[in-house]
Amino acid sequence: MSEPRSTRIRRLVYQSSYTGMKETDLLLGRFAQDHLAGLSDSQLDHYEALLEAGDGQIYLWVSGTEPVPARYDTSVLELIKEFRNE
């Protein structure tokens, strides 16, 4: 049985706030609270895959320190980068 959308969003918001690295917790936690409800199911899939990559990698990609692998170079990562620069 599939997880209800509202439950999935709550779970992702929680996971985003407790990634393990303070900088990423703050960035992804705020992003998740502000934006996850407005994302499509496909975008939520991309966001979930991004979280699985690990907080250190996400931080390096968002900060532009390392190039983003094609698998993670999605509209969701672009939204996070834009959110970071607001």
PDB file of N, CA and C in Angstrom:
ATOM      1  N   MET A   1       0.842  -1.188   0.000  1.00  0.00           N
ATOM      2  CA  MET A   1       0.000   0.000   0.000  1.00  0.00           C
ATOM      3  C   MET A   1       0.884   1.248   0.000  1.00  0.00           C
ATOM      4  N   SER A   2       0.521   2.181  -0.799  1.00  0.00           N
ATOM      5  CA  SER A   2       1.292   3.409  -0.954  1.00  0.00           C
ATOM      6  C   SER A   2       1.064   4.354   0.231  1.00  0.00           C
ATOM      7  N   GLU A   3       2.092   5.070   0.563  1.00  0.00           N
ATOM      8  CA  GLU A   3       2.032   6.046   1.644  1.00  0.00           C
ATOM      9  C   GLU A   3       1.195   7.245   1.202  1.00  0.00           C
ATOM     10  N   PRO A   4       0.252   7.720   2.018  1.00  0.00           N
ATOM     11  CA  PRO A   4      -0.510   8.919   1.645  1.00  0.00           C
ATOM     12  C   PRO A   4       0.429  10.112   1.435  1.00  0.00           C
ATOM     13  N   ARG A   5       0.055  10.977   0.505  1.00  0.00           N
ATOM     14  CA  ARG A   5       0.892  12.134   0.157  1.00  0.00           C
ATOM     15  C   ARG A   5       1.208  12.994   1.385  1.00  0.00           C
ATOM     16  N   SER A   6       0.212  13.277   2.208  1.00  0.00           N
ATOM     17  CA  SER A   6       0.441  14.141   3.375  1.00  0.00           C
ATOM     18  C   SER A   6       1.429  13.499   4.352  1.00  0.00           C
ATOM     19  N   THR A   7       1.348  12.191   4.513  1.00  0.00           N
ATOM     20  CA  THR A   7       2.286  11.479   5.383  1.00  0.00           C
ATOM     21  C   THR A   7       3.690  11.521   4.790  1.00  0.00           C
ATOM     22  N   ARG A   8       3.765  11.328   3.495  1.00  0.00           N
ATOM     23  CA  ARG A   8       5.064  11.367   2.815  1.00  0.00           C
ATOM     24  C   ARG A   8       5.723  12.728   2.991  1.00  0.00           C
ATOM     25  N   ILE A   9       4.950  13.793   2.809  1.00  0.00           N
ATOM     26  CA  ILE A   9       5.498  15.144   2.951  1.00  0.00           C
ATOM     27  C   ILE A   9       5.973  15.382   4.381  1.00  0.00           C
ATOM     28  N   ARG A  10       5.175  14.976   5.367  1.00  0.00           N
ATOM     29  CA  ARG A  10       5.596  15.141   6.767  1.00  0.00           C
ATOM     30  C   ARG A  10       6.896  14.378   7.040  1.00  0.00           C
ATOM     31  N   ARG A  11       7.004  13.166   6.513  1.00  0.00           N
ATOM     32  CA  ARG A  11       8.212  12.367   6.700  1.00  0.00           C
ATOM     33  C   ARG A  11       9.423  13.058   6.061  1.00  0.00           C
ATOM     34  N   LEU A  12       9.237  13.577   4.848  1.00  0.00           N
ATOM     35  CA  LEU A  12      10.341  14.241   4.154  1.00  0.00           C
ATOM     36  C   LEU A  12      10.747  15.540   4.845  1.00  0.00           C
ATOM     37  N   VAL A  13       9.775  16.271   5.379  1.00  0.00           N
ATOM     38  CA  VAL A  13      10.100  17.493   6.131  1.00  0.00           C
ATOM     39  C   VAL A  13      10.943  17.120   7.350  1.00  0.00           C
ATOM     40  N   TYR A  14      10.541  16.068   8.042  1.00  0.00           N
ATOM     41  CA  TYR A  14      11.302  15.622   9.214  1.00  0.00           C
ATOM     42  C   TYR A  14      12.716  15.207   8.812  1.00  0.00           C
ATOM     43  N   GLN A  15      12.827  14.361   7.788  1.00  0.00           N
ATOM     44  CA  GLN A  15      14.146  13.905   7.337  1.00  0.00           C
ATOM     45  C   GLN A  15      15.019  15.074   6.896  1.00  0.00           C
ATOM     46  N   SER A  16      14.410  16.069   6.289  1.00  0.00           N
ATOM     47  CA  SER A  16      15.148  17.239   5.805  1.00  0.00           C
ATOM     48  C   SER A  16      15.717  18.063   6.947  1.00  0.00           C
ATOM     49  N   SER A  17      15.041  18.045   8.077  1.00  0.00           N
ATOM     50  CA  SER A  17      15.468  18.841   9.227  1.00  0.00           C
ATOM     51  C   SER A  17      16.524  18.147  10.070  1.00  0.00           C
ATOM     52  N   TYR A  18      16.732  16.860   9.827  1.00  0.00           N
ATOM     53  CA  TYR A  18      17.682  16.075  10.618  1.00  0.00           C
ATOM     54  C   TYR A  18      18.579  15.244   9.710  1.00  0.00           C
ATOM     55  N   THR A  19      19.308  15.919   8.835  1.00  0.00           N
ATOM     56  CA  THR A  19      20.186  15.223   7.895  1.00  0.00           C
ATOM     57  C   THR A  19      21.509  14.832   8.539  1.00  0.00           C
ATOM     58  N   GLY A  20      21.909  15.555   9.564  1.00  0.00           N
ATOM     59  CA  GLY A  20      23.166  15.262  10.245  1.00  0.00           C
ATOM     60  C   GLY A  20      24.156  16.406  10.193  1.00  0.00           C
ATOM     61  N   MET A  21      24.014  17.288   9.238  1.00  0.00           N
ATOM     62  CA  MET A  21      24.924  18.428   9.094  1.00  0.00           C
ATOM     63  C   MET A  21      24.105  19.706   9.299  1.00  0.00           C
ATOM     64  N   LYS A  22      24.504  20.528  10.245  1.00  0.00           N
ATOM     65  CA  LYS A  22      23.710  21.706  10.639  1.00  0.00           C
ATOM     66  C   LYS A  22      23.326  22.585   9.446  1.00  0.00           C
ATOM     67  N   GLU A  23      24.287  22.890   8.580  1.00  0.00           N
ATOM     68  CA  GLU A  23      24.010  23.769   7.442  1.00  0.00           C
ATOM     69  C   GLU A  23      22.939  23.174   6.527  1.00  0.00           C
ATOM     70  N   THR A  24      23.047  21.872   6.284  1.00  0.00           N
ATOM     71  CA  THR A  24      22.079  21.209   5.416  1.00  0.00           C
ATOM     72  C   THR A  24      20.736  21.072   6.118  1.00  0.00           C
ATOM     73  N   ASP A  25      20.752  20.808   7.430  1.00  0.00           N
ATOM     74  CA  ASP A  25      19.502  20.744   8.194  1.00  0.00           C
ATOM     75  C   ASP A  25      18.715  22.041   8.038  1.00  0.00           C
ATOM     76  N   LEU A  26      19.404  23.157   8.201  1.00  0.00           N
ATOM     77  CA  LEU A  26      18.732  24.456   8.118  1.00  0.00           C
ATOM     78  C   LEU A  26      18.203  24.725   6.713  1.00  0.00           C
ATOM     79  N   LEU A  27      19.033  24.493   5.720  1.00  0.00           N
ATOM     80  CA  LEU A  27      18.636  24.756   4.340  1.00  0.00           C
ATOM     81  C   LEU A  27      17.490  23.850   3.909  1.00  0.00           C
ATOM     82  N   LEU A  28      17.681  22.544   4.033  1.00  0.00           N
ATOM     83  CA  LEU A  28      16.669  21.605   3.553  1.00  0.00           C
ATOM     84  C   LEU A  28      15.420  21.614   4.422  1.00  0.00           C
ATOM     85  N   GLY A  29      15.582  21.811   5.722  1.00  0.00           N
ATOM     86  CA  GLY A  29      14.421  21.884   6.606  1.00  0.00           C
ATOM     87  C   GLY A  29      13.502  23.036   6.232  1.00  0.00           C
ATOM     88  N   ARG A  30      14.085  24.203   6.026  1.00  0.00           N
ATOM     89  CA  ARG A  30      13.281  25.373   5.632  1.00  0.00           C
ATOM     90  C   ARG A  30      12.701  25.189   4.236  1.00  0.00           C
ATOM     91  N   PHE A  31      13.513  24.673   3.308  1.00  0.00           N
ATOM     92  CA  PHE A  31      13.025  24.430   1.950  1.00  0.00           C
ATOM     93  C   PHE A  31      11.842  23.468   1.983  1.00  0.00           C
ATOM     94  N   ALA A  32      11.987  22.384   2.718  1.00  0.00           N
ATOM     95  CA  ALA A  32      10.931  21.373   2.783  1.00  0.00           C
ATOM     96  C   ALA A  32       9.642  21.965   3.346  1.00  0.00           C
ATOM     97  N   GLN A  33       9.745  22.723   4.422  1.00  0.00           N
ATOM     98  CA  GLN A  33       8.554  23.331   5.021  1.00  0.00           C
ATOM     99  C   GLN A  33       7.865  24.284   4.054  1.00  0.00           C
ATOM    100  N   ASP A  34       8.643  25.023   3.300  1.00  0.00           N
ATOM    101  CA  ASP A  34       8.083  26.036   2.403  1.00  0.00           C
ATOM    102  C   ASP A  34       7.618  25.489   1.058  1.00  0.00           C
ATOM    103  N   HIS A  35       8.233  24.408   0.564  1.00  0.00           N
ATOM    104  CA  HIS A  35       8.010  24.026  -0.834  1.00  0.00           C
ATOM    105  C   HIS A  35       7.493  22.622  -1.115  1.00  0.00           C
ATOM    106  N   LEU A  36       7.677  21.668  -0.222  1.00  0.00           N
ATOM    107  CA  LEU A  36       7.334  20.286  -0.572  1.00  0.00           C
ATOM    108  C   LEU A  36       5.864  20.101  -0.923  1.00  0.00           C
ATOM    109  N   ALA A  37       4.973  20.773  -0.235  1.00  0.00           N
ATOM    110  CA  ALA A  37       3.543  20.607  -0.512  1.00  0.00           C
ATOM    111  C   ALA A  37       3.188  21.023  -1.935  1.00  0.00           C
ATOM    112  N   GLY A  38       3.953  21.918  -2.522  1.00  0.00           N
ATOM    113  CA  GLY A  38       3.681  22.395  -3.874  1.00  0.00           C
ATOM    114  C   GLY A  38       4.358  21.595  -4.973  1.00  0.00           C
ATOM    115  N   LEU A  39       5.180  20.605  -4.606  1.00  0.00           N
ATOM    116  CA  LEU A  39       5.872  19.803  -5.609  1.00  0.00           C
ATOM    117  C   LEU A  39       4.979  18.678  -6.120  1.00  0.00           C
ATOM    118  N   SER A  40       5.212  18.270  -7.348  1.00  0.00           N
ATOM    119  CA  SER A  40       4.492  17.129  -7.922  1.00  0.00           C
ATOM    120  C   SER A  40       5.027  15.838  -7.297  1.00  0.00           C
ATOM    121  N   ASP A  41       4.319  14.740  -7.511  1.00  0.00           N
ATOM    122  CA  ASP A  41       4.789  13.452  -6.996  1.00  0.00           C
ATOM    123  C   ASP A  41       6.140  13.085  -7.601  1.00  0.00           C
ATOM    124  N   SER A  42       6.321  13.384  -8.867  1.00  0.00           N
ATOM    125  CA  SER A  42       7.597  13.113  -9.531  1.00  0.00           C
ATOM    126  C   SER A  42       8.719  13.935  -8.893  1.00  0.00           C
ATOM    127  N   GLN A  43       8.441  15.190  -8.599  1.00  0.00           N
ATOM    128  CA  GLN A  43       9.443  16.033  -7.950  1.00  0.00           C
ATOM    129  C   GLN A  43       9.742  15.536  -6.535  1.00  0.00           C
ATOM    130  N   LEU A  44       8.718  15.039  -5.840  1.00  0.00           N
ATOM    131  CA  LEU A  44       8.956  14.464  -4.516  1.00  0.00           C
ATOM    132  C   LEU A  44       9.861  13.235  -4.617  1.00  0.00           C
ATOM    133  N   ASP A  45       9.678  12.439  -5.678  1.00  0.00           N
ATOM    134  CA  ASP A  45      10.569  11.295  -5.912  1.00  0.00           C
ATOM    135  C   ASP A  45      12.009  11.769  -6.068  1.00  0.00           C
ATOM    136  N   HIS A  46      12.203  12.840  -6.849  1.00  0.00           N
ATOM    137  CA  HIS A  46      13.551  13.385  -7.049  1.00  0.00           C
ATOM    138  C   HIS A  46      14.125  13.925  -5.737  1.00  0.00           C
ATOM    139  N   TYR A  47      13.285  14.583  -4.954  1.00  0.00           N
ATOM    140  CA  TYR A  47      13.735  15.127  -3.675  1.00  0.00           C
ATOM    141  C   TYR A  47      14.155  13.994  -2.736  1.00  0.00           C
ATOM    142  N   GLU A  48      13.358  12.945  -2.703  1.00  0.00           N
ATOM    143  CA  GLU A  48      13.677  11.809  -1.843  1.00  0.00           C
ATOM    144  C   GLU A  48      14.994  11.149  -2.262  1.00  0.00           C
ATOM    145  N   ALA A  49      15.202  11.012  -3.560  1.00  0.00           N
ATOM    146  CA  ALA A  49      16.462  10.450  -4.069  1.00  0.00           C
ATOM    147  C   ALA A  49      17.636  11.354  -3.690  1.00  0.00           C
ATOM    148  N   LEU A  50      17.412  12.650  -3.738  1.00  0.00           N
ATOM    149  CA  LEU A  50      18.454  13.603  -3.366  1.00  0.00           C
ATOM    150  C   LEU A  50      18.844  13.432  -1.897  1.00  0.00           C
ATOM    151  N   LEU A  51      17.851  13.279  -1.026  1.00  0.00           N
ATOM    152  CA  LEU A  51      18.143  13.073   0.393  1.00  0.00           C
ATOM    153  C   LEU A  51      18.976  11.814   0.611  1.00  0.00           C
ATOM    154  N   GLU A  52      18.722  10.794  -0.184  1.00  0.00           N
ATOM    155  CA  GLU A  52      19.459   9.538  -0.049  1.00  0.00           C
ATOM    156  C   GLU A  52      20.930   9.689  -0.452  1.00  0.00           C
ATOM    157  N   ALA A  53      21.247  10.727  -1.205  1.00  0.00           N
ATOM    158  CA  ALA A  53      22.637  10.965  -1.616  1.00  0.00           C
ATOM    159  C   ALA A  53      23.511  11.387  -0.436  1.00  0.00           C
ATOM    160  N   GLY A  54      22.899  11.925   0.597  1.00  0.00           N
ATOM    161  CA  GLY A  54      23.647  12.324   1.786  1.00  0.00           C
ATOM    162  C   GLY A  54      23.830  13.825   1.895  1.00  0.00           C
ATOM    163  N   ASP A  55      23.829  14.301   3.118  1.00  0.00           N
ATOM    164  CA  ASP A  55      23.882  15.733   3.378  1.00  0.00           C
ATOM    165  C   ASP A  55      25.172  16.386   2.916  1.00  0.00           C
ATOM    166  N   GLY A  56      26.288  15.699   3.056  1.00  0.00           N
ATOM    167  CA  GLY A  56      27.562  16.276   2.610  1.00  0.00           C
ATOM    168  C   GLY A  56      27.587  16.525   1.121  1.00  0.00           C
ATOM    169  N   GLN A  57      27.118  15.557   0.360  1.00  0.00           N
ATOM    170  CA  GLN A  57      27.069  15.706  -1.098  1.00  0.00           C
ATOM    171  C   GLN A  57      26.103  16.808  -1.505  1.00  0.00           C
ATOM    172  N   ILE A  58      24.938  16.826  -0.887  1.00  0.00           N
ATOM    173  CA  ILE A  58      23.944  17.855  -1.217  1.00  0.00           C
ATOM    174  C   ILE A  58      24.544  19.238  -1.003  1.00  0.00           C
ATOM    175  N   TYR A  59      25.220  19.418   0.122  1.00  0.00           N
ATOM    176  CA  TYR A  59      25.823  20.717   0.419  1.00  0.00           C
ATOM    177  C   TYR A  59      26.847  21.108  -0.644  1.00  0.00           C
ATOM    178  N   LEU A  60      27.680  20.161  -1.053  1.00  0.00           N
ATOM    179  CA  LEU A  60      28.687  20.449  -2.079  1.00  0.00           C
ATOM    180  C   LEU A  60      28.038  20.811  -3.415  1.00  0.00           C
ATOM    181  N   TRP A  61      26.955  20.144  -3.766  1.00  0.00           N
ATOM    182  CA  TRP A  61      26.267  20.433  -5.031  1.00  0.00           C
ATOM    183  C   TRP A  61      25.558  21.783  -4.986  1.00  0.00           C
ATOM    184  N   VAL A  62      24.871  22.047  -3.884  1.00  0.00           N
ATOM    185  CA  VAL A  62      24.121  23.305  -3.769  1.00  0.00           C
ATOM    186  C   VAL A  62      25.067  24.495  -3.714  1.00  0.00           C
ATOM    187  N   SER A  63      26.206  24.319  -3.067  1.00  0.00           N
ATOM    188  CA  SER A  63      27.168  25.418  -2.955  1.00  0.00           C
ATOM    189  C   SER A  63      28.006  25.587  -4.217  1.00  0.00           C
ATOM    190  N   GLY A  64      27.906  24.636  -5.143  1.00  0.00           N
ATOM    191  CA  GLY A  64      28.666  24.719  -6.383  1.00  0.00           C
ATOM    192  C   GLY A  64      30.103  24.252  -6.250  1.00  0.00           C
ATOM    193  N   THR A  65      30.436  23.640  -5.127  1.00  0.00           N
ATOM    194  CA  THR A  65      31.794  23.160  -4.892  1.00  0.00           C
ATOM    195  C   THR A  65      32.135  21.964  -5.767  1.00  0.00           C
ATOM    196  N   GLU A  66      31.146  21.117  -6.007  1.00  0.00           N
ATOM    197  CA  GLU A  66      31.336  19.941  -6.858  1.00  0.00           C
ATOM    198  C   GLU A  66      30.262  19.913  -7.933  1.00  0.00           C
ATOM    199  N   PRO A  67      30.581  19.356  -9.104  1.00  0.00           N
ATOM    200  CA  PRO A  67      29.564  19.230 -10.151  1.00  0.00           C
ATOM    201  C   PRO A  67      28.490  18.223  -9.732  1.00  0.00           C
ATOM    202  N   VAL A  68      27.290  18.461 -10.204  1.00  0.00           N
ATOM    203  CA  VAL A  68      26.154  17.609  -9.862  1.00  0.00           C
ATOM    204  C   VAL A  68      26.051  16.469 -10.872  1.00  0.00           C
ATOM    205  N   PRO A  69      26.029  15.219 -10.408  1.00  0.00           N
ATOM    206  CA  PRO A  69      25.817  14.106 -11.337  1.00  0.00           C
ATOM    207  C   PRO A  69      24.454  14.237 -12.021  1.00  0.00           C
ATOM    208  N   ALA A  70      24.359  13.792 -13.249  1.00  0.00           N
ATOM    209  CA  ALA A  70      23.133  13.934 -14.036  1.00  0.00           C
ATOM    210  C   ALA A  70      21.910  13.392 -13.305  1.00  0.00           C
ATOM    211  N   ARG A  71      22.079  12.315 -12.566  1.00  0.00           N
ATOM    212  CA  ARG A  71      20.947  11.698 -11.858  1.00  0.00           C
ATOM    213  C   ARG A  71      20.287  12.671 -10.879  1.00  0.00           C
ATOM    214  N   TYR A  72      21.072  13.549 -10.286  1.00  0.00           N
ATOM    215  CA  TYR A  72      20.564  14.473  -9.276  1.00  0.00           C
ATOM    216  C   TYR A  72      20.349  15.890  -9.804  1.00  0.00           C
ATOM    217  N   ASP A  73      20.733  16.131 -11.031  1.00  0.00           N
ATOM    218  CA  ASP A  73      20.620  17.471 -11.618  1.00  0.00           C
ATOM    219  C   ASP A  73      19.207  17.669 -12.147  1.00  0.00           C
ATOM    220  N   THR A  74      18.284  17.930 -11.233  1.00  0.00           N
ATOM    221  CA  THR A  74      16.861  18.024 -11.555  1.00  0.00           C
ATOM    222  C   THR A  74      16.320  19.406 -11.219  1.00  0.00           C
ATOM    223  N   SER A  75      15.073  19.622 -11.579  1.00  0.00           N
ATOM    224  CA  SER A  75      14.419  20.894 -11.262  1.00  0.00           C
ATOM    225  C   SER A  75      14.349  21.103  -9.754  1.00  0.00           C
ATOM    226  N   VAL A  76      14.279  20.025  -8.999  1.00  0.00           N
ATOM    227  CA  VAL A  76      14.209  20.140  -7.540  1.00  0.00           C
ATOM    228  C   VAL A  76      15.514  20.712  -6.983  1.00  0.00           C
ATOM    229  N   LEU A  77      16.633  20.237  -7.470  1.00  0.00           N
ATOM    230  CA  LEU A  77      17.915  20.780  -7.012  1.00  0.00           C
ATOM    231  C   LEU A  77      18.037  22.250  -7.399  1.00  0.00           C
ATOM    232  N   GLU A  78      17.558  22.607  -8.561  1.00  0.00           N
ATOM    233  CA  GLU A  78      17.570  24.019  -8.971  1.00  0.00           C
ATOM    234  C   GLU A  78      16.708  24.864  -8.031  1.00  0.00           C
ATOM    235  N   LEU A  79      15.550  24.333  -7.630  1.00  0.00           N
ATOM    236  CA  LEU A  79      14.691  25.049  -6.678  1.00  0.00           C
ATOM    237  C   LEU A  79      15.413  25.256  -5.345  1.00  0.00           C
ATOM    238  N   ILE A  80      16.131  24.248  -4.903  1.00  0.00           N
ATOM    239  CA  ILE A  80      16.880  24.361  -3.646  1.00  0.00           C
ATOM    240  C   ILE A  80      17.977  25.412  -3.780  1.00  0.00           C
ATOM    241  N   LYS A  81      18.674  25.421  -4.900  1.00  0.00           N
ATOM    242  CA  LYS A  81      19.717  26.431  -5.132  1.00  0.00           C
ATOM    243  C   LYS A  81      19.119  27.837  -5.131  1.00  0.00           C
ATOM    244  N   GLU A  82      17.984  28.006  -5.799  1.00  0.00           N
ATOM    245  CA  GLU A  82      17.321  29.314  -5.819  1.00  0.00           C
ATOM    246  C   GLU A  82      16.894  29.713  -4.413  1.00  0.00           C
ATOM    247  N   PHE A  83      16.349  28.774  -3.666  1.00  0.00           N
ATOM    248  CA  PHE A  83      15.916  29.030  -2.293  1.00  0.00           C
ATOM    249  C   PHE A  83      17.102  29.472  -1.439  1.00  0.00           C
ATOM    250  N   ARG A  84      18.238  28.835  -1.619  1.00  0.00           N
ATOM    251  CA  ARG A  84      19.451  29.174  -0.866  1.00  0.00           C
ATOM    252  C   ARG A  84      19.891  30.609  -1.146  1.00  0.00           C
ATOM    253  N   ASN A  85      19.687  31.061  -2.368  1.00  0.00           N
ATOM    254  CA  ASN A  85      20.142  32.393  -2.763  1.00  0.00           C
ATOM    255  C   ASN A  85      19.135  33.497  -2.471  1.00  0.00           C
ATOM    256  N   GLU A  86      17.973  33.151  -1.938  1.00  0.00           N
ATOM    257  CA  GLU A  86      16.956  34.180  -1.631  1.00  0.00           C
ATOM    258  C   GLU A  86      17.363  35.010  -0.438  1.00  0.00           C
TER     259      GLU A  86
END
